[in-house]
N, C-alpha and C. Protein backbone atom coordinates (compact mmCIF):
# COMPACT_ATOMS: atom_id res chain seq x y z
N UNK A 1 93.71 59.62 -48.67
CA UNK A 1 94.10 59.01 -47.87
C UNK A 1 92.29 58.09 -47.99
N UNK A 2 91.87 59.29 -48.58
CA UNK A 2 90.37 58.74 -48.74
C UNK A 2 90.05 58.54 -50.03
N UNK A 3 91.17 58.89 -51.06
CA UNK A 3 91.05 58.86 -52.36
C UNK A 3 91.30 57.13 -51.97
N UNK A 4 92.84 56.72 -51.11
CA UNK A 4 93.62 55.56 -51.73
C UNK A 4 91.81 54.33 -51.61
N UNK A 5 91.70 54.42 -50.12
CA UNK A 5 90.74 53.71 -49.47
C UNK A 5 89.60 53.30 -50.68
N UNK A 6 88.94 54.14 -51.41
CA UNK A 6 88.09 54.64 -52.20
C UNK A 6 88.55 53.77 -53.17
N UNK A 7 89.82 54.26 -53.84
CA UNK A 7 89.56 53.48 -54.42
C UNK A 7 90.58 51.17 -54.23
N UNK A 8 90.77 51.64 -52.78
CA UNK A 8 91.49 49.91 -52.62
C UNK A 8 90.12 49.10 -52.87
N UNK A 9 88.60 50.30 -51.86
CA UNK A 9 87.58 49.06 -52.31
C UNK A 9 86.94 48.92 -53.19
N UNK A 10 87.44 49.74 -54.16
CA UNK A 10 86.66 49.58 -55.77
C UNK A 10 87.64 48.47 -55.90
N UNK A 11 88.14 48.30 -56.01
CA UNK A 11 89.73 47.31 -56.45
C UNK A 11 88.79 45.98 -55.57
N UNK A 12 88.45 45.74 -54.66
CA UNK A 12 88.39 44.18 -53.49
C UNK A 12 86.81 44.57 -54.30
N UNK A 13 86.40 44.82 -54.04
CA UNK A 13 84.12 45.01 -55.21
C UNK A 13 84.49 44.30 -56.29
N UNK A 14 85.70 45.12 -56.84
CA UNK A 14 85.78 44.08 -58.45
C UNK A 14 86.52 42.68 -58.55
N UNK A 15 87.13 42.37 -57.66
CA UNK A 15 87.69 41.68 -57.72
C UNK A 15 86.86 40.26 -57.29
N UNK A 16 85.52 40.10 -55.60
CA UNK A 16 85.03 40.61 -55.77
C UNK A 16 83.59 39.41 -56.61
N UNK A 17 82.92 40.22 -57.15
CA UNK A 17 82.97 39.94 -58.53
C UNK A 17 82.65 39.30 -59.44
N UNK A 18 84.16 39.41 -60.33
CA UNK A 18 84.92 39.04 -60.83
C UNK A 18 85.34 37.36 -60.30
N UNK A 19 84.83 37.40 -58.70
CA UNK A 19 85.73 36.35 -58.60
C UNK A 19 84.26 35.04 -58.73
N UNK A 20 83.42 36.19 -58.41
CA UNK A 20 81.71 35.24 -58.07
C UNK A 20 81.12 34.55 -59.83
N UNK A 21 81.76 35.94 -60.14
CA UNK A 21 80.93 35.11 -61.92
C UNK A 21 81.72 34.30 -62.39
N UNK A 22 83.11 34.82 -61.93
CA UNK A 22 84.41 33.21 -62.64
C UNK A 22 83.49 32.34 -62.16
N UNK A 23 83.26 31.72 -60.44
CA UNK A 23 82.54 30.47 -60.37
C UNK A 23 80.95 30.24 -60.59
N UNK A 24 80.14 32.21 -60.96
CA UNK A 24 79.32 31.09 -61.58
C UNK A 24 79.14 30.66 -63.09
N UNK A 25 80.34 30.91 -64.02
CA UNK A 25 81.31 30.57 -65.49
C UNK A 25 81.63 29.18 -65.19
N UNK A 26 82.21 28.82 -63.95
CA UNK A 26 82.42 27.49 -64.18
C UNK A 26 81.72 27.09 -63.98
N UNK A 27 80.81 26.80 -63.35
CA UNK A 27 79.36 26.51 -63.22
C UNK A 27 78.93 25.76 -64.00
N UNK A 28 78.14 26.71 -64.76
CA UNK A 28 77.27 26.56 -66.19
C UNK A 28 78.78 26.03 -67.06
N UNK A 29 80.11 26.75 -67.01
CA UNK A 29 80.39 25.93 -68.01
C UNK A 29 80.53 24.18 -68.18
N UNK A 30 80.73 23.77 -66.17
CA UNK A 30 80.50 22.28 -66.71
C UNK A 30 79.56 21.39 -66.34
N UNK A 31 78.67 22.81 -66.14
CA UNK A 31 76.88 21.62 -66.17
C UNK A 31 77.39 21.58 -67.79
N UNK A 32 77.45 22.39 -69.00
CA UNK A 32 77.82 22.10 -70.22
C UNK A 32 78.46 21.38 -70.58
N UNK A 33 79.68 20.97 -69.94
CA UNK A 33 80.10 20.40 -70.29
C UNK A 33 80.01 18.53 -69.90
N UNK A 34 79.00 18.77 -68.44
CA UNK A 34 78.95 17.40 -68.33
C UNK A 34 77.14 16.85 -69.09
N UNK A 35 76.27 18.38 -69.37
CA UNK A 35 75.60 17.76 -70.12
C UNK A 35 75.93 17.27 -72.17
N UNK A 36 76.61 17.86 -72.49
CA UNK A 36 77.41 17.53 -73.81
C UNK A 36 78.47 15.89 -73.64
N UNK A 37 78.48 15.87 -72.12
CA UNK A 37 79.51 14.34 -72.40
C UNK A 37 78.30 13.16 -71.75
N UNK A 38 77.27 13.44 -71.37
CA UNK A 38 76.48 12.96 -71.06
C UNK A 38 75.54 12.25 -72.49
N UNK A 39 74.83 13.69 -73.27
CA UNK A 39 74.75 12.88 -74.49
C UNK A 39 75.04 12.97 -75.36
N UNK A 40 76.87 12.91 -75.01
CA UNK A 40 78.55 12.03 -76.49
C UNK A 40 78.02 10.57 -75.57
N UNK A 41 77.67 10.02 -74.69
CA UNK A 41 78.11 9.10 -74.49
C UNK A 41 76.31 8.34 -74.17
N UNK A 42 75.77 8.69 -74.72
CA UNK A 42 74.54 8.78 -75.08
C UNK A 42 73.61 7.93 -73.49
N UNK A 43 73.41 8.77 -72.70
CA UNK A 43 72.63 7.89 -71.93
C UNK A 43 71.70 8.32 -71.77
N UNK A 44 70.61 9.07 -72.42
CA UNK A 44 69.24 8.87 -72.79
C UNK A 44 69.17 7.11 -73.30
N UNK A 45 70.25 7.17 -73.59
CA UNK A 45 69.10 5.87 -74.81
C UNK A 45 69.03 4.65 -73.97
N UNK A 46 69.43 4.04 -72.36
CA UNK A 46 69.05 3.14 -71.32
C UNK A 46 68.95 4.02 -70.22
N UNK A 47 69.13 5.24 -70.13
CA UNK A 47 69.10 5.59 -69.14
C UNK A 47 66.61 6.62 -69.10
N UNK A 48 66.59 6.47 -69.91
CA UNK A 48 65.55 7.54 -70.22
C UNK A 48 63.89 6.72 -70.18
N UNK A 49 63.26 5.86 -69.87
CA UNK A 49 62.76 5.19 -70.59
C UNK A 49 62.07 5.72 -71.75
N UNK A 50 61.65 4.87 -72.27
CA UNK A 50 61.16 5.49 -73.75
C UNK A 50 60.03 5.32 -74.06
N UNK A 51 58.63 5.77 -75.36
CA UNK A 51 57.13 6.05 -75.11
C UNK A 51 56.93 5.36 -76.29
N UNK A 52 55.88 5.34 -76.38
CA UNK A 52 55.74 5.50 -78.27
C UNK A 52 54.59 6.37 -78.43
N UNK A 53 55.42 7.01 -79.80
CA UNK A 53 55.35 8.91 -79.58
C UNK A 53 54.47 8.26 -81.21
N UNK A 54 54.12 9.73 -81.28
CA UNK A 54 53.36 9.71 -83.01
C UNK A 54 54.38 9.56 -84.17
N UNK A 55 55.81 8.77 -84.10
CA UNK A 55 56.51 8.92 -84.91
C UNK A 55 56.64 7.49 -84.85
N UNK A 56 56.92 6.53 -83.53
CA UNK A 56 57.19 5.32 -83.05
C UNK A 56 57.81 5.59 -81.59
N UNK A 57 58.39 5.10 -81.34
CA UNK A 57 59.62 5.17 -80.51
C UNK A 57 60.34 5.78 -79.77
N UNK A 58 60.70 6.79 -78.73
CA UNK A 58 61.10 7.79 -78.30
C UNK A 58 61.16 8.03 -76.88
N UNK A 59 62.07 9.01 -76.85
CA UNK A 59 62.88 9.05 -75.03
C UNK A 59 60.71 9.71 -74.57
N UNK A 60 60.80 8.97 -72.89
CA UNK A 60 60.01 10.08 -72.19
C UNK A 60 60.53 11.14 -71.75
N UNK A 61 60.44 12.62 -72.21
CA UNK A 61 61.42 13.36 -71.57
C UNK A 61 60.87 13.56 -70.17
N UNK A 62 59.93 13.77 -69.71
CA UNK A 62 59.18 13.31 -68.65
C UNK A 62 59.87 12.59 -67.46
N UNK A 63 60.62 12.20 -68.18
CA UNK A 63 61.66 10.95 -67.35
C UNK A 63 62.73 10.53 -67.67
N UNK A 64 63.11 12.10 -67.14
CA UNK A 64 65.29 11.83 -68.51
C UNK A 64 65.70 11.30 -67.45
N UNK A 65 66.57 10.36 -67.53
CA UNK A 65 67.26 9.13 -66.57
C UNK A 65 67.14 9.04 -65.94
N UNK A 66 65.87 8.80 -65.58
CA UNK A 66 65.11 8.06 -64.79
C UNK A 66 65.80 6.70 -63.73
N UNK A 67 65.63 6.13 -64.66
CA UNK A 67 66.12 4.29 -64.70
C UNK A 67 64.70 3.62 -65.35
N UNK A 68 64.62 2.53 -65.18
CA UNK A 68 63.99 1.70 -65.67
C UNK A 68 63.01 2.35 -64.78
N UNK A 69 61.47 2.09 -64.95
CA UNK A 69 60.60 2.53 -63.70
C UNK A 69 60.38 1.50 -63.71
N UNK A 70 60.01 1.57 -62.10
CA UNK A 70 60.42 0.47 -61.01
C UNK A 70 58.92 0.08 -60.89
N UNK A 71 57.90 0.03 -61.12
CA UNK A 71 56.41 -0.03 -61.38
C UNK A 71 56.44 -0.74 -62.22
N UNK A 72 56.79 -1.52 -64.13
CA UNK A 72 56.62 -1.90 -64.60
C UNK A 72 57.90 -3.27 -64.51
N UNK A 73 58.37 -3.27 -64.28
CA UNK A 73 58.96 -5.04 -63.15
C UNK A 73 59.18 -5.80 -65.18
N UNK A 74 59.52 -6.96 -65.62
CA UNK A 74 60.76 -7.38 -66.87
C UNK A 74 59.85 -8.12 -66.31
N UNK A 75 58.69 -8.44 -67.44
CA UNK A 75 57.75 -9.99 -67.78
C UNK A 75 59.76 -11.33 -67.74
N UNK A 76 58.58 -12.98 -67.97
CA UNK A 76 59.49 -13.40 -68.19
C UNK A 76 60.33 -13.37 -69.18
N UNK A 77 61.70 -14.08 -69.18
CA UNK A 77 62.31 -13.50 -70.82
C UNK A 77 62.27 -15.39 -71.44
N UNK A 78 62.04 -14.71 -72.70
CA UNK A 78 62.46 -15.86 -73.64
C UNK A 78 62.98 -16.48 -73.87
N UNK A 79 62.97 -18.11 -74.20
CA UNK A 79 63.70 -19.40 -74.07
C UNK A 79 64.28 -19.04 -75.21
N UNK A 80 65.77 -19.10 -75.75
CA UNK A 80 66.40 -18.54 -76.39
C UNK A 80 67.36 -19.49 -76.84
N UNK A 81 67.87 -19.84 -78.03
CA UNK A 81 68.94 -20.57 -78.21
C UNK A 81 69.66 -20.54 -78.25
N UNK A 82 70.74 -21.72 -77.78
CA UNK A 82 72.20 -21.61 -77.23
C UNK A 82 73.16 -20.66 -77.60
N UNK A 83 73.29 -19.22 -77.81
CA UNK A 83 74.85 -18.75 -78.25
C UNK A 83 73.74 -17.18 -77.15
N UNK A 84 75.53 -16.47 -77.35
CA UNK A 84 75.16 -14.93 -77.36
C UNK A 84 74.22 -13.96 -77.20
N UNK A 85 73.07 -14.18 -76.76
CA UNK A 85 72.30 -13.56 -76.95
C UNK A 85 71.06 -13.31 -75.04
N UNK A 86 70.50 -11.55 -75.86
CA UNK A 86 70.10 -11.22 -74.72
C UNK A 86 69.28 -10.85 -75.06
N UNK A 87 67.24 -10.14 -73.92
CA UNK A 87 66.96 -9.89 -74.97
C UNK A 87 66.55 -7.72 -73.84
N UNK A 88 66.06 -6.98 -74.67
CA UNK A 88 65.49 -6.38 -74.20
C UNK A 88 64.47 -5.48 -73.61
N UNK A 89 64.39 -5.24 -72.81
CA UNK A 89 62.63 -4.24 -73.45
C UNK A 89 62.28 -3.01 -74.21
N UNK A 90 61.06 -3.10 -74.57
CA UNK A 90 60.52 -2.86 -75.81
C UNK A 90 60.43 -1.48 -75.47
N UNK A 91 61.11 -0.84 -73.59
CA UNK A 91 61.08 0.64 -72.63
C UNK A 91 62.95 0.67 -73.08
N UNK A 92 63.49 -0.23 -73.82
CA UNK A 92 64.98 -0.04 -73.60
C UNK A 92 65.83 0.61 -72.14
N UNK A 93 65.23 -0.31 -71.04
CA UNK A 93 66.06 -0.09 -69.19
C UNK A 93 65.98 -1.12 -69.21
N UNK A 94 65.66 -2.40 -69.18
CA UNK A 94 66.19 -4.09 -68.89
C UNK A 94 66.11 -4.20 -70.12
N UNK A 95 67.61 -5.67 -69.00
CA UNK A 95 67.65 -6.24 -70.44
C UNK A 95 68.47 -7.80 -69.41
N UNK A 96 67.34 -8.97 -70.23
CA UNK A 96 67.59 -10.66 -69.82
C UNK A 96 69.19 -10.75 -70.28
N UNK A 97 70.08 -11.40 -69.81
CA UNK A 97 71.03 -12.42 -70.52
C UNK A 97 71.53 -13.31 -69.73
N UNK A 98 72.68 -13.35 -70.40
CA UNK A 98 73.14 -14.88 -69.23
C UNK A 98 73.96 -14.52 -67.19
N UNK A 99 73.94 -12.94 -67.81
CA UNK A 99 74.00 -12.25 -66.27
C UNK A 99 73.13 -12.64 -65.53
N UNK A 100 72.12 -12.61 -65.78
CA UNK A 100 70.20 -12.21 -64.84
C UNK A 100 69.63 -11.19 -65.90
N UNK A 101 69.10 -10.74 -65.31
CA UNK A 101 68.29 -9.26 -65.11
C UNK A 101 69.20 -8.17 -64.88
N UNK A 102 69.41 -7.16 -65.67
CA UNK A 102 69.76 -5.68 -65.58
C UNK A 102 68.62 -4.57 -65.71
N UNK A 103 68.99 -3.34 -64.55
CA UNK A 103 67.83 -2.77 -65.08
C UNK A 103 68.98 -1.40 -64.81
N UNK A 104 68.47 -0.45 -65.58
CA UNK A 104 68.74 1.39 -65.95
C UNK A 104 68.92 1.69 -64.27
N UNK A 105 69.86 2.18 -64.26
CA UNK A 105 69.56 2.77 -63.16
C UNK A 105 68.97 4.80 -62.82
N UNK A 106 68.67 5.05 -61.77
CA UNK A 106 68.13 6.02 -61.85
C UNK A 106 68.78 7.37 -61.40
N UNK A 107 69.64 8.22 -62.49
CA UNK A 107 70.38 9.22 -62.45
C UNK A 107 70.19 10.48 -62.10
N UNK A 108 68.58 10.61 -61.55
CA UNK A 108 68.59 12.21 -61.58
C UNK A 108 68.89 12.57 -60.50
N UNK A 109 69.05 14.09 -59.76
CA UNK A 109 69.55 13.89 -57.85
C UNK A 109 68.62 13.45 -56.67
N UNK A 110 66.83 12.76 -57.44
CA UNK A 110 65.69 11.98 -56.58
C UNK A 110 67.47 11.46 -55.76
N UNK A 111 66.53 12.26 -53.98
CA UNK A 111 67.83 11.70 -52.79
C UNK A 111 67.00 10.38 -52.67
N UNK A 112 65.88 10.04 -52.32
CA UNK A 112 65.36 8.59 -52.45
C UNK A 112 66.46 7.71 -53.21
N UNK A 113 65.56 7.90 -54.83
CA UNK A 113 65.57 6.17 -55.25
C UNK A 113 66.99 7.01 -56.28
N UNK A 114 67.39 8.05 -56.10
CA UNK A 114 68.39 8.49 -57.91
C UNK A 114 69.32 8.54 -57.42
N UNK A 115 70.76 9.70 -58.07
CA UNK A 115 72.12 9.92 -57.58
C UNK A 115 72.06 10.72 -55.73
N UNK A 116 70.96 11.53 -55.58
CA UNK A 116 71.18 12.36 -54.84
C UNK A 116 72.19 12.33 -53.47
N UNK A 117 71.76 11.27 -52.70
CA UNK A 117 72.97 11.44 -52.04
C UNK A 117 73.87 10.51 -51.99
N UNK A 118 74.23 10.53 -53.69
CA UNK A 118 76.71 10.00 -53.95
C UNK A 118 76.61 10.94 -53.55
N UNK A 119 78.23 11.14 -52.91
CA UNK A 119 78.89 11.85 -53.24
C UNK A 119 79.99 12.05 -54.68
N UNK A 120 80.05 12.82 -55.45
CA UNK A 120 81.05 12.98 -56.28
C UNK A 120 82.26 12.03 -56.60
N UNK A 121 82.66 11.98 -55.71
CA UNK A 121 83.68 10.57 -55.26
C UNK A 121 83.13 9.38 -55.88
N UNK A 122 82.04 9.28 -55.49
CA UNK A 122 81.65 7.68 -55.31
C UNK A 122 80.96 7.63 -56.78
N UNK A 123 80.26 8.39 -57.78
CA UNK A 123 80.38 8.86 -58.90
C UNK A 123 81.20 8.56 -59.37
N UNK A 124 82.44 9.10 -59.13
CA UNK A 124 83.75 8.83 -60.53
C UNK A 124 84.16 6.97 -60.30
N UNK A 125 83.71 7.07 -58.96
CA UNK A 125 84.15 5.51 -58.53
C UNK A 125 84.04 4.85 -59.56
N UNK A 126 82.79 4.37 -59.86
CA UNK A 126 81.60 3.90 -60.04
C UNK A 126 81.57 3.80 -61.43
N UNK A 127 82.39 5.30 -62.00
CA UNK A 127 81.63 5.40 -63.92
C UNK A 127 83.34 4.42 -63.97
N UNK A 128 84.36 5.07 -63.54
CA UNK A 128 85.45 4.26 -63.14
C UNK A 128 86.17 2.28 -63.78
N UNK A 129 85.49 1.77 -62.49
CA UNK A 129 85.31 0.77 -61.63
C UNK A 129 84.17 0.47 -62.60
N UNK A 130 83.13 0.43 -62.57
CA UNK A 130 82.15 -0.63 -62.66
C UNK A 130 81.50 -1.36 -61.94
N UNK A 131 81.38 -0.11 -60.71
CA UNK A 131 80.98 -0.80 -59.37
C UNK A 131 79.90 -0.30 -58.94
N UNK A 132 79.02 -0.40 -58.54
CA UNK A 132 77.60 0.68 -57.89
C UNK A 132 78.45 0.97 -56.95
N UNK A 133 78.20 2.18 -56.25
CA UNK A 133 78.58 3.44 -55.24
C UNK A 133 79.95 3.47 -55.23
N UNK A 134 80.87 2.95 -56.35
CA UNK A 134 82.22 2.99 -56.39
C UNK A 134 83.01 1.60 -55.95
N UNK A 135 82.82 1.26 -54.98
CA UNK A 135 82.66 0.04 -54.46
C UNK A 135 82.43 -1.26 -54.47
N UNK A 136 80.96 -1.38 -54.53
CA UNK A 136 80.07 -2.61 -54.77
C UNK A 136 79.70 -3.32 -55.00
N UNK A 137 77.85 -3.41 -55.89
CA UNK A 137 78.33 -5.02 -56.43
C UNK A 137 78.95 -4.57 -57.81
N UNK A 138 79.42 -5.55 -59.02
CA UNK A 138 79.36 -4.56 -60.29
C UNK A 138 78.54 -4.31 -60.83
N UNK A 139 78.38 -3.54 -62.07
CA UNK A 139 77.82 -3.14 -62.23
C UNK A 139 77.37 -4.02 -63.64
N UNK A 140 76.32 -4.39 -64.32
CA UNK A 140 76.10 -5.22 -64.76
C UNK A 140 75.50 -4.89 -66.77
N UNK A 141 75.60 -5.83 -67.63
CA UNK A 141 75.31 -5.25 -69.29
C UNK A 141 73.84 -4.78 -69.16
N UNK A 142 74.05 -3.77 -69.99
CA UNK A 142 74.68 -3.43 -71.32
C UNK A 142 75.55 -1.72 -70.86
N UNK A 143 75.92 -1.86 -69.08
CA UNK A 143 76.39 -0.92 -69.34
C UNK A 143 77.75 -1.20 -68.79
N UNK A 144 78.75 -0.17 -69.35
CA UNK A 144 80.19 -0.26 -69.52
C UNK A 144 81.30 -0.20 -68.23
N UNK A 145 82.59 0.80 -67.97
CA UNK A 145 83.31 1.10 -67.57
C UNK A 145 83.83 2.30 -68.25
N UNK A 146 84.22 3.13 -67.77
CA UNK A 146 84.79 4.51 -68.10
C UNK A 146 86.48 5.13 -67.54
N UNK A 147 87.33 4.09 -67.47
CA UNK A 147 88.79 3.80 -66.94
C UNK A 147 89.54 5.35 -67.37
N UNK A 148 88.50 5.64 -68.71
CA UNK A 148 89.46 6.94 -69.52
C UNK A 148 89.56 8.21 -68.27
N UNK A 149 87.45 8.54 -68.50
CA UNK A 149 87.43 9.04 -68.72
C UNK A 149 88.53 10.46 -67.20
N UNK A 150 88.45 11.46 -67.71
CA UNK A 150 89.26 12.55 -66.73
C UNK A 150 88.95 12.96 -65.75
N UNK A 151 89.00 13.32 -64.75
CA UNK A 151 88.51 14.21 -63.47
C UNK A 151 87.29 14.70 -63.98
N UNK A 152 87.72 16.29 -64.45
CA UNK A 152 87.12 17.59 -65.16
C UNK A 152 85.74 16.34 -65.74
N UNK A 153 85.92 15.51 -66.59
CA UNK A 153 84.56 14.98 -67.31
C UNK A 153 84.13 14.27 -66.29
N UNK A 154 84.63 13.56 -65.31
CA UNK A 154 83.38 13.40 -64.25
C UNK A 154 82.84 14.23 -63.26
N UNK A 155 83.33 14.77 -63.26
CA UNK A 155 83.21 16.31 -62.24
C UNK A 155 81.98 16.88 -63.33
N UNK A 156 82.33 17.19 -64.23
CA UNK A 156 81.24 18.45 -65.40
C UNK A 156 80.50 16.53 -65.43
N UNK A 157 79.66 16.48 -65.71
CA UNK A 157 79.20 15.04 -65.66
C UNK A 157 78.10 15.26 -64.55
N UNK A 158 78.65 14.74 -62.90
CA UNK A 158 78.11 15.31 -62.04
C UNK A 158 77.40 16.24 -61.28
N UNK A 159 77.90 17.14 -62.12
CA UNK A 159 77.65 19.02 -62.20
C UNK A 159 76.28 18.69 -62.36
N UNK A 160 76.31 18.94 -63.53
CA UNK A 160 74.98 19.05 -64.88
C UNK A 160 74.58 17.24 -64.12
N UNK A 161 74.11 16.13 -64.01
CA UNK A 161 73.38 15.19 -63.13
C UNK A 161 72.70 15.61 -62.39
N UNK A 162 73.66 16.54 -61.99
CA UNK A 162 72.51 17.16 -60.14
C UNK A 162 71.90 18.22 -60.04
N UNK A 163 72.22 18.95 -61.56
CA UNK A 163 71.17 20.38 -62.17
C UNK A 163 69.89 19.75 -62.64
N UNK A 164 70.07 18.58 -62.79
CA UNK A 164 68.23 17.40 -63.49
C UNK A 164 67.60 17.85 -63.04
N UNK A 165 65.98 18.12 -62.61
CA UNK A 165 64.85 17.25 -62.39
C UNK A 165 65.23 16.18 -61.06
N UNK A 166 64.76 15.90 -60.60
CA UNK A 166 65.08 14.69 -59.64
C UNK A 166 63.40 13.86 -59.85
N UNK A 167 63.24 12.71 -59.96
CA UNK A 167 62.40 11.97 -61.11
C UNK A 167 62.44 10.96 -59.72
N UNK A 168 61.44 10.90 -58.31
CA UNK A 168 61.35 9.74 -57.34
C UNK A 168 61.12 8.13 -58.87
N UNK A 169 62.06 8.00 -59.22
CA UNK A 169 60.99 6.15 -59.19
C UNK A 169 62.79 5.36 -58.81
N UNK A 170 62.31 4.43 -57.86
CA UNK A 170 63.19 3.54 -57.41
C UNK A 170 62.46 1.89 -58.44
N UNK A 171 64.76 2.53 -59.05
CA UNK A 171 64.58 0.93 -59.98
C UNK A 171 64.71 -0.38 -59.15
N UNK A 172 64.32 -1.39 -59.92
CA UNK A 172 64.86 -3.30 -59.52
C UNK A 172 65.91 -3.29 -59.18
N UNK A 173 66.15 -4.15 -58.38
CA UNK A 173 67.84 -4.94 -58.50
C UNK A 173 68.06 -5.43 -59.32
N UNK A 174 69.01 -5.58 -59.37
CA UNK A 174 68.78 -6.50 -60.86
C UNK A 174 69.06 -8.53 -60.34
N UNK A 175 68.72 -8.78 -60.98
CA UNK A 175 68.14 -10.39 -60.57
C UNK A 175 69.06 -11.45 -60.46
N UNK A 176 69.85 -12.06 -60.27
CA UNK A 176 70.84 -13.04 -60.25
C UNK A 176 69.87 -14.13 -61.45
N UNK A 177 70.62 -14.67 -62.43
CA UNK A 177 70.81 -15.70 -63.25
C UNK A 177 69.86 -16.52 -63.04
N UNK A 178 69.16 -17.30 -63.34
CA UNK A 178 68.12 -18.56 -62.82
C UNK A 178 68.40 -20.36 -64.08
N UNK A 179 69.22 -21.24 -63.58
CA UNK A 179 69.92 -22.33 -64.35
C UNK A 179 70.86 -21.54 -64.78
N UNK A 180 71.62 -22.68 -66.19
CA UNK A 180 73.15 -22.01 -66.46
C UNK A 180 72.39 -21.82 -67.56
N UNK A 181 73.61 -20.74 -68.01
CA UNK A 181 73.36 -19.76 -69.39
C UNK A 181 73.42 -20.11 -70.64
């Protein structure tokens, strides 16, 4: 009887450790997949501010995915000839066009200024439907919608974004266009 109890206990512990390891591996796999998705979709190009490095413009990785620097503002856009033109900042985080001025969002897990207070559902709905927080205002150019992303893709992206260092950076609200486009 003692031997049976011992075997049951050892098997239960092995199953428990295996389950814990599987959960950790699944999370690590999701994080790695999310990092791959964020890089493959080139989210850094617009959501990580750029700086002038020794070889020219480069992403400022100390502000990874933190969006348009809140204190940077946006100078008055220049007058452009009629046509399908827009203007982008040198930091590649703010755009002006016929829609007005849009700023790239802070995707870090900062609770006050980033995605830290977002639910995974709000993130997924935002990415699929192009609505802030999933059901708010429209996302503005150049941000596309991604209706084809799977639940697993969006989960992985959210897991990765939750794992990066939070950066406190309040991005300005978008500005409506002035005058006629």
